[in-house]
Amino acid sequence: MDAILNNPFRILGLPTTDSDKEIAKRVSDFLITAEIRKKVIYKTDFPIFGKIDSYL
């Protein structure tokens, strides 16, 4: 279960088929958003898996 909860694609809200360029852009966006402490919600944030706020 830990592999699902801590999966980078889940945390970034990305499908596993995204390109390196798309992943890099999302990481950049994620870091900027985290820096201003804004909450990000992705469609992959399923309540059953719990919150991801430990990464912000």
N, C-alpha and C. Protein backbone atom coordinates (compact mmCIF):
# COMPACT_ATOMS: atom_id res chain seq x y z
N MET A 1 0.83 -1.20 0.00
CA MET A 1 0.00 0.00 0.00
C MET A 1 0.87 1.25 0.00
N ASP A 2 2.04 1.18 0.63
CA ASP A 2 2.94 2.32 0.68
C ASP A 2 3.37 2.76 -0.72
N ALA A 3 3.52 1.79 -1.62
CA ALA A 3 3.90 2.11 -3.00
C ALA A 3 2.84 2.94 -3.69
N ILE A 4 1.59 2.73 -3.34
CA ILE A 4 0.50 3.53 -3.92
C ILE A 4 0.46 4.90 -3.28
N LEU A 5 0.54 4.94 -1.96
CA LEU A 5 0.43 6.22 -1.24
C LEU A 5 1.56 7.17 -1.57
N ASN A 6 2.76 6.66 -1.77
CA ASN A 6 3.92 7.51 -2.03
C ASN A 6 4.35 7.53 -3.49
N ASN A 7 3.49 7.08 -4.36
CA ASN A 7 3.81 7.06 -5.78
C ASN A 7 3.94 8.50 -6.30
N PRO A 8 5.08 8.85 -6.89
CA PRO A 8 5.28 10.22 -7.38
C PRO A 8 4.23 10.66 -8.40
N PHE A 9 3.78 9.74 -9.23
CA PHE A 9 2.76 10.11 -10.21
C PHE A 9 1.45 10.48 -9.52
N ARG A 10 1.10 9.77 -8.47
CA ARG A 10 -0.10 10.09 -7.70
C ARG A 10 0.05 11.44 -7.02
N ILE A 11 1.20 11.66 -6.41
CA ILE A 11 1.44 12.91 -5.69
C ILE A 11 1.37 14.10 -6.64
N LEU A 12 1.90 13.94 -7.84
CA LEU A 12 1.90 15.02 -8.82
C LEU A 12 0.63 15.06 -9.66
N GLY A 13 -0.25 14.09 -9.49
CA GLY A 13 -1.50 14.06 -10.24
C GLY A 13 -1.30 13.81 -11.72
N LEU A 14 -0.36 12.94 -12.04
CA LEU A 14 -0.03 12.65 -13.44
C LEU A 14 -0.29 11.20 -13.80
N PRO A 15 -0.64 10.96 -15.07
CA PRO A 15 -0.69 9.57 -15.53
C PRO A 15 0.73 9.05 -15.75
N THR A 16 0.92 7.78 -15.65
CA THR A 16 2.26 7.19 -15.82
C THR A 16 2.75 7.28 -17.25
N THR A 17 1.91 7.68 -18.16
CA THR A 17 2.30 7.78 -19.57
C THR A 17 2.82 9.15 -19.95
N ASP A 18 2.86 10.10 -19.01
CA ASP A 18 3.34 11.44 -19.33
C ASP A 18 4.83 11.43 -19.67
N SER A 19 5.21 12.37 -20.52
CA SER A 19 6.60 12.48 -20.94
C SER A 19 7.45 13.15 -19.86
N ASP A 20 8.76 13.06 -20.02
CA ASP A 20 9.68 13.70 -19.07
C ASP A 20 9.42 15.20 -19.00
N LYS A 21 9.11 15.80 -20.14
CA LYS A 21 8.84 17.24 -20.19
C LYS A 21 7.59 17.59 -19.37
N GLU A 22 6.55 16.81 -19.50
CA GLU A 22 5.32 17.05 -18.75
C GLU A 22 5.54 16.85 -17.25
N ILE A 23 6.33 15.84 -16.89
CA ILE A 23 6.65 15.58 -15.48
C ILE A 23 7.44 16.75 -14.90
N ALA A 24 8.45 17.22 -15.62
CA ALA A 24 9.28 18.33 -15.16
C ALA A 24 8.45 19.59 -14.96
N LYS A 25 7.51 19.85 -15.87
CA LYS A 25 6.64 21.02 -15.75
C LYS A 25 5.76 20.90 -14.51
N ARG A 26 5.20 19.73 -14.26
CA ARG A 26 4.34 19.55 -13.10
C ARG A 26 5.13 19.68 -11.80
N VAL A 27 6.36 19.16 -11.78
CA VAL A 27 7.20 19.29 -10.60
C VAL A 27 7.47 20.77 -10.33
N SER A 28 7.79 21.51 -11.37
CA SER A 28 8.05 22.94 -11.23
C SER A 28 6.81 23.66 -10.70
N ASP A 29 5.65 23.38 -11.29
CA ASP A 29 4.39 23.98 -10.84
C ASP A 29 4.11 23.61 -9.38
N PHE A 30 4.35 22.35 -9.05
CA PHE A 30 4.10 21.85 -7.70
C PHE A 30 4.98 22.58 -6.68
N LEU A 31 6.26 22.76 -7.00
CA LEU A 31 7.19 23.43 -6.09
C LEU A 31 6.81 24.90 -5.90
N ILE A 32 6.42 25.55 -6.97
CA ILE A 32 6.00 26.95 -6.87
C ILE A 32 4.76 27.06 -6.00
N THR A 33 3.81 26.18 -6.21
CA THR A 33 2.58 26.18 -5.43
C THR A 33 2.87 25.88 -3.96
N ALA A 34 3.75 24.94 -3.70
CA ALA A 34 4.11 24.59 -2.32
C ALA A 34 4.81 25.75 -1.63
N GLU A 35 5.60 26.49 -2.40
CA GLU A 35 6.33 27.62 -1.84
C GLU A 35 5.38 28.70 -1.31
N ILE A 36 4.28 28.90 -2.00
CA ILE A 36 3.30 29.90 -1.55
C ILE A 36 2.23 29.28 -0.66
N ARG A 37 2.43 27.99 -0.31
CA ARG A 37 1.56 27.25 0.61
C ARG A 37 0.11 27.17 0.13
N LYS A 38 -0.07 27.08 -1.17
CA LYS A 38 -1.40 26.93 -1.74
C LYS A 38 -1.71 25.43 -1.88
N LYS A 39 -2.91 25.05 -1.52
CA LYS A 39 -3.33 23.65 -1.62
C LYS A 39 -3.62 23.30 -3.08
N VAL A 40 -3.10 22.18 -3.51
CA VAL A 40 -3.32 21.70 -4.87
C VAL A 40 -4.19 20.45 -4.79
N ILE A 41 -5.20 20.38 -5.62
CA ILE A 41 -6.05 19.19 -5.68
C ILE A 41 -6.03 18.66 -7.11
N TYR A 42 -5.66 17.38 -7.23
CA TYR A 42 -5.63 16.73 -8.53
C TYR A 42 -6.75 15.70 -8.59
N LYS A 43 -7.12 15.31 -9.80
CA LYS A 43 -8.19 14.32 -9.92
C LYS A 43 -7.77 12.94 -9.43
N THR A 44 -6.48 12.75 -9.16
CA THR A 44 -5.99 11.49 -8.61
C THR A 44 -5.97 11.49 -7.08
N ASP A 45 -6.48 12.52 -6.45
CA ASP A 45 -6.55 12.61 -4.98
C ASP A 45 -7.82 11.92 -4.50
N PHE A 46 -7.76 10.61 -4.41
CA PHE A 46 -8.92 9.84 -3.97
C PHE A 46 -8.95 9.81 -2.44
N PRO A 47 -10.08 10.13 -1.82
CA PRO A 47 -10.17 10.15 -0.35
C PRO A 47 -9.75 8.85 0.32
N ILE A 48 -9.96 7.73 -0.33
CA ILE A 48 -9.62 6.43 0.27
C ILE A 48 -8.12 6.31 0.57
N PHE A 49 -7.29 7.02 -0.19
CA PHE A 49 -5.84 6.95 0.00
C PHE A 49 -5.33 7.94 1.05
N GLY A 50 -6.17 8.82 1.51
CA GLY A 50 -5.76 9.81 2.50
C GLY A 50 -5.17 11.05 1.85
N LYS A 51 -4.77 11.98 2.69
CA LYS A 51 -4.25 13.27 2.21
C LYS A 51 -2.76 13.17 1.87
N ILE A 52 -2.32 14.10 1.04
CA ILE A 52 -0.92 14.16 0.63
C ILE A 52 -0.24 15.38 1.25
N ASP A 53 -0.88 16.11 2.15
CA ASP A 53 -0.34 17.37 2.62
C ASP A 53 1.00 17.29 3.33
N SER A 54 1.50 16.13 3.63
CA SER A 54 2.82 16.04 4.23
C SER A 54 3.91 16.47 3.23
N TYR A 55 3.56 16.57 1.96
CA TYR A 55 4.53 16.98 0.94
C TYR A 55 4.54 18.47 0.73
N LEU A 56 3.58 19.19 1.30
CA LEU A 56 3.54 20.64 1.12
C LEU A 56 4.19 21.35 2.26
